[in-house]
PDB file of all heavy atoms in Angstrom:
ATOM      1  N   LEU A   1       2.901  34.186  45.503  1.00  0.00           N
ATOM      2  CA  LEU A   1       3.933  33.984  44.478  1.00  0.00           C
ATOM      3  C   LEU A   1       5.275  33.532  45.048  1.00  0.00           C
ATOM      4  O   LEU A   1       5.903  32.591  44.459  1.00  0.00           O
ATOM      5  CB  LEU A   1       4.210  35.320  43.780  1.00  0.00           C
ATOM      6  CG  LEU A   1       5.326  35.301  42.661  1.00  0.00           C
ATOM      7  CD1 LEU A   1       4.842  34.404  41.528  1.00  0.00           C
ATOM      8  CD2 LEU A   1       5.406  36.775  42.111  1.00  0.00           C
ATOM      9  N   ASP A   2       5.678  34.104  46.087  1.00  0.00           N
ATOM     10  CA  ASP A   2       7.023  33.612  46.802  1.00  0.00           C
ATOM     11  C   ASP A   2       6.867  32.125  47.191  1.00  0.00           C
ATOM     12  O   ASP A   2       7.773  31.400  46.995  1.00  0.00           O
ATOM     13  CB  ASP A   2       7.312  34.439  48.015  1.00  0.00           C
ATOM     14  CG  ASP A   2       7.690  36.014  47.570  1.00  0.00           C
ATOM     15  OD1 ASP A   2       8.083  36.132  46.393  1.00  0.00           O
ATOM     16  OD2 ASP A   2       7.719  36.837  48.488  1.00  0.00           O
ATOM     17  N   LYS A   3       5.838  31.761  47.788  1.00  0.00           N
ATOM     18  CA  LYS A   3       5.660  30.465  48.251  1.00  0.00           C
ATOM     19  C   LYS A   3       5.588  29.467  47.059  1.00  0.00           C
ATOM     20  O   LYS A   3       6.155  28.425  47.194  1.00  0.00           O
ATOM     21  CB  LYS A   3       4.369  30.239  49.051  1.00  0.00           C
ATOM     22  CG  LYS A   3       4.163  28.843  49.676  1.00  0.00           C
ATOM     23  CD  LYS A   3       2.915  28.794  50.483  1.00  0.00           C
ATOM     24  CE  LYS A   3       2.740  27.373  51.141  1.00  0.00           C
ATOM     25  NZ  LYS A   3       1.457  27.324  51.917  1.00  0.00           N
ATOM     26  N   MET A   4       4.897  29.809  45.999  1.00  0.00           N
ATOM     27  CA  MET A   4       4.888  28.905  44.777  1.00  0.00           C
ATOM     28  C   MET A   4       6.237  28.760  44.240  1.00  0.00           C
ATOM     29  O   MET A   4       6.644  27.684  43.822  1.00  0.00           O
ATOM     30  CB  MET A   4       3.860  29.515  43.789  1.00  0.00           C
ATOM     31  CG  MET A   4       3.817  28.711  42.496  1.00  0.00           C
ATOM     32  SD  MET A   4       2.544  29.318  41.352  1.00  0.00           S
ATOM     33  CE  MET A   4       1.070  28.617  42.112  1.00  0.00           C
ATOM     34  N   GLN A   5       6.998  29.849  44.149  1.00  0.00           N
ATOM     35  CA  GLN A   5       8.374  29.823  43.572  1.00  0.00           C
ATOM     36  C   GLN A   5       9.241  28.848  44.412  1.00  0.00           C
ATOM     37  O   GLN A   5      10.000  28.133  43.852  1.00  0.00           O
ATOM     38  CB  GLN A   5       8.991  31.211  43.584  1.00  0.00           C
ATOM     39  CG  GLN A   5       8.408  32.080  42.447  1.00  0.00           C
ATOM     40  CD  GLN A   5       8.940  33.560  42.501  1.00  0.00           C
ATOM     41  OE1 GLN A   5       9.277  34.037  43.628  1.00  0.00           O
ATOM     42  NE2 GLN A   5       9.176  34.058  41.416  1.00  0.00           N
ATOM     43  N   GLU A   6       9.116  28.907  45.758  1.00  0.00           N
ATOM     44  CA  GLU A   6       9.921  28.082  46.573  1.00  0.00           C
ATOM     45  C   GLU A   6       9.532  26.566  46.392  1.00  0.00           C
ATOM     46  O   GLU A   6      10.346  25.720  46.392  1.00  0.00           O
ATOM     47  CB  GLU A   6       9.732  28.468  48.069  1.00  0.00           C
ATOM     48  CG  GLU A   6      10.553  29.663  48.516  1.00  0.00           C
ATOM     49  CD  GLU A   6      12.018  29.511  48.313  1.00  0.00           C
ATOM     50  OE1 GLU A   6      12.552  28.479  48.614  1.00  0.00           O
ATOM     51  OE2 GLU A   6      12.616  30.593  47.669  1.00  0.00           O
ATOM     52  N   GLU A   7       8.169  26.329  46.297  1.00  0.00           N
ATOM     53  CA  GLU A   7       7.768  24.974  46.171  1.00  0.00           C
ATOM     54  C   GLU A   7       8.138  24.433  44.721  1.00  0.00           C
ATOM     55  O   GLU A   7       8.292  23.186  44.517  1.00  0.00           O
ATOM     56  CB  GLU A   7       6.200  24.939  46.220  1.00  0.00           C
ATOM     57  CG  GLU A   7       5.756  25.206  47.660  1.00  0.00           C
ATOM     58  CD  GLU A   7       4.300  24.928  47.766  1.00  0.00           C
ATOM     59  OE1 GLU A   7       3.589  24.790  46.871  1.00  0.00           O
ATOM     60  OE2 GLU A   7       3.834  24.960  49.058  1.00  0.00           O
ATOM     61  N   MET A   8       8.347  25.332  43.682  1.00  0.00           N
ATOM     62  CA  MET A   8       8.692  24.913  42.370  1.00  0.00           C
ATOM     63  C   MET A   8      10.247  24.586  42.317  1.00  0.00           C
ATOM     64  O   MET A   8      10.621  23.887  41.320  1.00  0.00           O
ATOM     65  CB  MET A   8       8.370  25.914  41.385  1.00  0.00           C
ATOM     66  CG  MET A   8       6.843  25.931  41.004  1.00  0.00           C
ATOM     67  SD  MET A   8       6.569  27.130  39.712  1.00  0.00           S
ATOM     68  CE  MET A   8       4.919  26.690  39.381  1.00  0.00           C
ATOM     69  N   LYS A   9      11.089  25.118  43.233  1.00  0.00           N
ATOM     70  CA  LYS A   9      12.494  25.037  43.080  1.00  0.00           C
ATOM     71  C   LYS A   9      13.050  23.543  42.920  1.00  0.00           C
ATOM     72  O   LYS A   9      13.877  23.289  42.124  1.00  0.00           O
ATOM     73  CB  LYS A   9      13.198  25.809  44.156  1.00  0.00           C
ATOM     74  CG  LYS A   9      13.181  27.372  43.928  1.00  0.00           C
ATOM     75  CD  LYS A   9      14.007  27.985  44.959  1.00  0.00           C
ATOM     76  CE  LYS A   9      14.067  29.497  44.630  1.00  0.00           C
ATOM     77  NZ  LYS A   9      14.902  30.256  45.662  1.00  0.00           N
ATOM     78  N   PRO A  10      12.514  22.634  43.804  1.00  0.00           N
ATOM     79  CA  PRO A  10      13.036  21.267  43.635  1.00  0.00           C
ATOM     80  C   PRO A  10      12.714  20.621  42.316  1.00  0.00           C
ATOM     81  O   PRO A  10      13.700  20.013  41.722  1.00  0.00           O
ATOM     82  CB  PRO A  10      12.316  20.495  44.781  1.00  0.00           C
ATOM     83  CG  PRO A  10      11.958  21.558  45.801  1.00  0.00           C
ATOM     84  CD  PRO A  10      11.671  22.794  44.981  1.00  0.00           C
ATOM     85  N   GLN A  11      11.489  20.842  41.742  1.00  0.00           N
ATOM     86  CA  GLN A  11      11.247  20.286  40.515  1.00  0.00           C
ATOM     87  C   GLN A  11      12.052  20.965  39.412  1.00  0.00           C
ATOM     88  O   GLN A  11      12.528  20.369  38.340  1.00  0.00           O
ATOM     89  CB  GLN A  11       9.820  20.424  40.253  1.00  0.00           C
ATOM     90  CG  GLN A  11       9.281  19.863  38.916  1.00  0.00           C
ATOM     91  CD  GLN A  11       7.796  20.117  38.593  1.00  0.00           C
ATOM     92  OE1 GLN A  11       7.170  20.596  39.347  1.00  0.00           O
ATOM     93  NE2 GLN A  11       7.341  19.472  37.446  1.00  0.00           N
ATOM     94  N   ALA A  12      12.253  22.348  39.621  1.00  0.00           N
ATOM     95  CA  ALA A  12      13.053  23.084  38.562  1.00  0.00           C
ATOM     96  C   ALA A  12      14.512  22.593  38.566  1.00  0.00           C
ATOM     97  O   ALA A  12      15.102  22.441  37.409  1.00  0.00           O
ATOM     98  CB  ALA A  12      13.065  24.604  38.937  1.00  0.00           C
ATOM     99  N   LEU A  13      14.986  22.310  39.746  1.00  0.00           N
ATOM    100  CA  LEU A  13      16.458  21.784  39.815  1.00  0.00           C
ATOM    101  C   LEU A  13      16.468  20.442  39.153  1.00  0.00           C
ATOM    102  O   LEU A  13      17.468  20.197  38.415  1.00  0.00           O
ATOM    103  CB  LEU A  13      16.818  21.695  41.236  1.00  0.00           C
ATOM    104  CG  LEU A  13      18.172  21.134  41.539  1.00  0.00           C
ATOM    105  CD1 LEU A  13      19.334  21.986  40.974  1.00  0.00           C
ATOM    106  CD2 LEU A  13      18.410  20.938  43.065  1.00  0.00           C
ATOM    107  N   LYS A  14      15.519  19.583  39.400  1.00  0.00           N
ATOM    108  CA  LYS A  14      15.438  18.267  38.725  1.00  0.00           C
ATOM    109  C   LYS A  14      15.422  18.315  37.206  1.00  0.00           C
ATOM    110  O   LYS A  14      16.150  17.618  36.508  1.00  0.00           O
ATOM    111  CB  LYS A  14      14.403  17.417  39.346  1.00  0.00           C
ATOM    112  CG  LYS A  14      14.431  15.985  38.846  1.00  0.00           C
ATOM    113  CD  LYS A  14      13.297  15.140  39.536  1.00  0.00           C
ATOM    114  CE  LYS A  14      13.391  13.726  39.078  1.00  0.00           C
ATOM    115  NZ  LYS A  14      12.271  12.903  39.682  1.00  0.00           N
ATOM    116  N   ARG A  15      14.656  19.283  36.763  1.00  0.00           N
ATOM    117  CA  ARG A  15      14.496  19.467  35.236  1.00  0.00           C
ATOM    118  C   ARG A  15      15.799  19.830  34.664  1.00  0.00           C
ATOM    119  O   ARG A  15      16.268  19.370  33.600  1.00  0.00           O
ATOM    120  CB  ARG A  15      13.356  20.485  35.005  1.00  0.00           C
ATOM    121  CG  ARG A  15      11.989  20.004  35.190  1.00  0.00           C
ATOM    122  CD  ARG A  15      10.970  21.020  34.662  1.00  0.00           C
ATOM    123  NE  ARG A  15       9.627  20.670  34.918  1.00  0.00           N
ATOM    124  CZ  ARG A  15       8.521  21.155  34.403  1.00  0.00           C
ATOM    125  NH1 ARG A  15       8.714  22.290  33.757  1.00  0.00           N
ATOM    126  NH2 ARG A  15       7.333  20.788  34.694  1.00  0.00           N
ATOM    127  N   ILE A  16      16.523  20.783  35.274  1.00  0.00           N
ATOM    128  CA  ILE A  16      17.765  21.352  34.763  1.00  0.00           C
ATOM    129  C   ILE A  16      18.782  20.244  34.782  1.00  0.00           C
ATOM    130  O   ILE A  16      19.533  20.021  33.853  1.00  0.00           O
ATOM    131  CB  ILE A  16      18.288  22.494  35.629  1.00  0.00           C
ATOM    132  CG1 ILE A  16      17.375  23.766  35.539  1.00  0.00           C
ATOM    133  CG2 ILE A  16      19.711  22.892  35.278  1.00  0.00           C
ATOM    134  CD1 ILE A  16      17.680  24.831  36.420  1.00  0.00           C
ATOM    135  N   GLN A  17      18.872  19.575  35.927  1.00  0.00           N
ATOM    136  CA  GLN A  17      19.898  18.416  35.977  1.00  0.00           C
ATOM    137  C   GLN A  17      19.641  17.363  34.913  1.00  0.00           C
ATOM    138  O   GLN A  17      20.560  16.805  34.247  1.00  0.00           O
ATOM    139  CB  GLN A  17      19.911  17.772  37.369  1.00  0.00           C
ATOM    140  CG  GLN A  17      20.392  18.790  38.383  1.00  0.00           C
ATOM    141  CD  GLN A  17      20.236  18.127  39.898  1.00  0.00           C
ATOM    142  OE1 GLN A  17      19.315  17.454  40.155  1.00  0.00           O
ATOM    143  NE2 GLN A  17      21.148  18.594  40.752  1.00  0.00           N
ATOM    144  N   THR A  18      18.372  17.043  34.712  1.00  0.00           N
ATOM    145  CA  THR A  18      18.002  16.070  33.797  1.00  0.00           C
ATOM    146  C   THR A  18      18.417  16.489  32.356  1.00  0.00           C
ATOM    147  O   THR A  18      18.919  15.778  31.554  1.00  0.00           O
ATOM    148  CB  THR A  18      16.518  15.674  33.804  1.00  0.00           C
ATOM    149  OG1 THR A  18      16.197  15.188  35.119  1.00  0.00           O
ATOM    150  CG2 THR A  18      16.120  14.625  32.753  1.00  0.00           C
ATOM    151  N   ARG A  19      18.025  17.743  32.163  1.00  0.00           N
ATOM    152  CA  ARG A  19      18.270  18.319  30.819  1.00  0.00           C
ATOM    153  C   ARG A  19      19.872  18.352  30.563  1.00  0.00           C
ATOM    154  O   ARG A  19      20.306  17.987  29.349  1.00  0.00           O
ATOM    155  CB  ARG A  19      17.788  19.786  30.687  1.00  0.00           C
ATOM    156  CG  ARG A  19      18.310  20.611  29.527  1.00  0.00           C
ATOM    157  CD  ARG A  19      17.467  20.201  28.266  1.00  0.00           C
ATOM    158  NE  ARG A  19      17.929  20.874  27.137  1.00  0.00           N
ATOM    159  CZ  ARG A  19      17.303  21.081  26.001  1.00  0.00           C
ATOM    160  NH1 ARG A  19      16.024  20.589  25.831  1.00  0.00           N
ATOM    161  NH2 ARG A  19      17.794  21.674  25.009  1.00  0.00           N
ATOM    162  N   LEU A  20      20.593  18.683  31.447  1.00  0.00           N
ATOM    163  CA  LEU A  20      22.064  18.739  31.273  1.00  0.00           C
ATOM    164  C   LEU A  20      22.701  17.271  31.076  1.00  0.00           C
ATOM    165  O   LEU A  20      23.637  17.224  30.318  1.00  0.00           O
ATOM    166  CB  LEU A  20      22.848  19.376  32.537  1.00  0.00           C
ATOM    167  CG  LEU A  20      22.516  20.863  32.691  1.00  0.00           C
ATOM    168  CD1 LEU A  20      23.086  21.374  33.986  1.00  0.00           C
ATOM    169  CD2 LEU A  20      23.185  21.665  31.582  1.00  0.00           C
ATOM    170  N   VAL A  21      22.229  16.366  31.757  1.00  0.00           N
ATOM    171  CA  VAL A  21      22.616  14.958  31.567  1.00  0.00           C
ATOM    172  C   VAL A  21      22.307  14.523  30.181  1.00  0.00           C
ATOM    173  O   VAL A  21      23.099  13.901  29.433  1.00  0.00           O
ATOM    174  CB  VAL A  21      22.046  14.034  32.613  1.00  0.00           C
ATOM    175  CG1 VAL A  21      22.252  12.564  32.186  1.00  0.00           C
ATOM    176  CG2 VAL A  21      22.601  14.356  33.930  1.00  0.00           C
ATOM    177  N   LEU A  22      21.120  14.874  29.709  1.00  0.00           N
ATOM    178  CA  LEU A  22      20.600  14.382  28.475  1.00  0.00           C
ATOM    179  C   LEU A  22      21.460  15.116  27.315  1.00  0.00           C
ATOM    180  O   LEU A  22      21.800  14.479  26.297  1.00  0.00           O
ATOM    181  CB  LEU A  22      19.106  14.642  28.256  1.00  0.00           C
ATOM    182  CG  LEU A  22      18.237  13.750  29.057  1.00  0.00           C
ATOM    183  CD1 LEU A  22      16.796  14.251  28.901  1.00  0.00           C
ATOM    184  CD2 LEU A  22      18.289  12.258  28.646  1.00  0.00           C
ATOM    185  N   GLU A  23      21.780  16.337  27.508  1.00  0.00           N
ATOM    186  CA  GLU A  23      22.548  17.063  26.591  1.00  0.00           C
ATOM    187  C   GLU A  23      23.963  16.409  26.454  1.00  0.00           C
ATOM    188  O   GLU A  23      24.442  16.335  25.276  1.00  0.00           O
ATOM    189  CB  GLU A  23      22.685  18.610  26.884  1.00  0.00           C
ATOM    190  CG  GLU A  23      21.464  19.352  26.673  1.00  0.00           C
ATOM    191  CD  GLU A  23      21.585  20.886  27.058  1.00  0.00           C
ATOM    192  OE1 GLU A  23      22.642  21.294  27.447  1.00  0.00           O
ATOM    193  OE2 GLU A  23      20.624  21.668  26.864  1.00  0.00           O
ATOM    194  N   LYS A  24      24.464  15.990  27.554  1.00  0.00           N
ATOM    195  CA  LYS A  24      25.850  15.433  27.590  1.00  0.00           C
ATOM    196  C   LYS A  24      25.737  14.063  26.938  1.00  0.00           C
ATOM    197  O   LYS A  24      26.651  13.735  26.076  1.00  0.00           O
ATOM    198  CB  LYS A  24      26.312  15.323  28.992  1.00  0.00           C
ATOM    199  CG  LYS A  24      27.672  14.723  29.088  1.00  0.00           C
ATOM    200  CD  LYS A  24      28.770  15.464  28.240  1.00  0.00           C
ATOM    201  CE  LYS A  24      28.904  16.922  28.564  1.00  0.00           C
ATOM    202  NZ  LYS A  24      29.925  17.562  27.730  1.00  0.00           N
ATOM    203  N   ILE A  25      24.749  13.275  27.086  1.00  0.00           N
ATOM    204  CA  ILE A  25      24.578  11.986  26.490  1.00  0.00           C
ATOM    205  C   ILE A  25      24.486  12.194  24.941  1.00  0.00           C
ATOM    206  O   ILE A  25      25.187  11.497  24.225  1.00  0.00           O
ATOM    207  CB  ILE A  25      23.356  11.272  26.890  1.00  0.00           C
ATOM    208  CG1 ILE A  25      23.524  10.827  28.446  1.00  0.00           C
ATOM    209  CG2 ILE A  25      22.996  10.070  26.086  1.00  0.00           C
ATOM    210  CD1 ILE A  25      22.230  10.233  29.094  1.00  0.00           C
ATOM    211  N   ALA A  26      23.707  13.134  24.522  1.00  0.00           N
ATOM    212  CA  ALA A  26      23.654  13.491  23.030  1.00  0.00           C
ATOM    213  C   ALA A  26      24.985  13.853  22.480  1.00  0.00           C
ATOM    214  O   ALA A  26      25.321  13.491  21.418  1.00  0.00           O
ATOM    215  CB  ALA A  26      22.588  14.644  22.883  1.00  0.00           C
ATOM    216  N   GLU A  27      25.758  14.575  23.212  1.00  0.00           N
ATOM    217  CA  GLU A  27      27.122  14.967  22.709  1.00  0.00           C
ATOM    218  C   GLU A  27      28.013  13.809  22.675  1.00  0.00           C
ATOM    219  O   GLU A  27      28.701  13.643  21.681  1.00  0.00           O
ATOM    220  CB  GLU A  27      27.610  16.103  23.627  1.00  0.00           C
ATOM    221  CG  GLU A  27      29.003  16.530  23.295  1.00  0.00           C
ATOM    222  CD  GLU A  27      29.620  17.532  24.256  1.00  0.00           C
ATOM    223  OE1 GLU A  27      28.815  18.269  24.953  1.00  0.00           O
ATOM    224  OE2 GLU A  27      30.888  17.568  24.390  1.00  0.00           O
ATOM    225  N   VAL A  28      28.008  13.094  23.727  1.00  0.00           N
ATOM    226  CA  VAL A  28      28.951  11.822  23.838  1.00  0.00           C
ATOM    227  C   VAL A  28      28.651  10.937  22.763  1.00  0.00           C
ATOM    228  O   VAL A  28      29.609  10.331  22.158  1.00  0.00           O
ATOM    229  CB  VAL A  28      28.987  11.255  25.295  1.00  0.00           C
ATOM    230  CG1 VAL A  28      29.758   9.931  25.333  1.00  0.00           C
ATOM    231  CG2 VAL A  28      29.634  12.225  26.268  1.00  0.00           C
TER     232      VAL A  28
END
């Protein structure tokens, strides 16, 4: 479980960043 969580973190970070950018585009 710990190894899987660590391997998922880069993709999770990218998803969050993409989502925040898209939310800001929608707002602007």
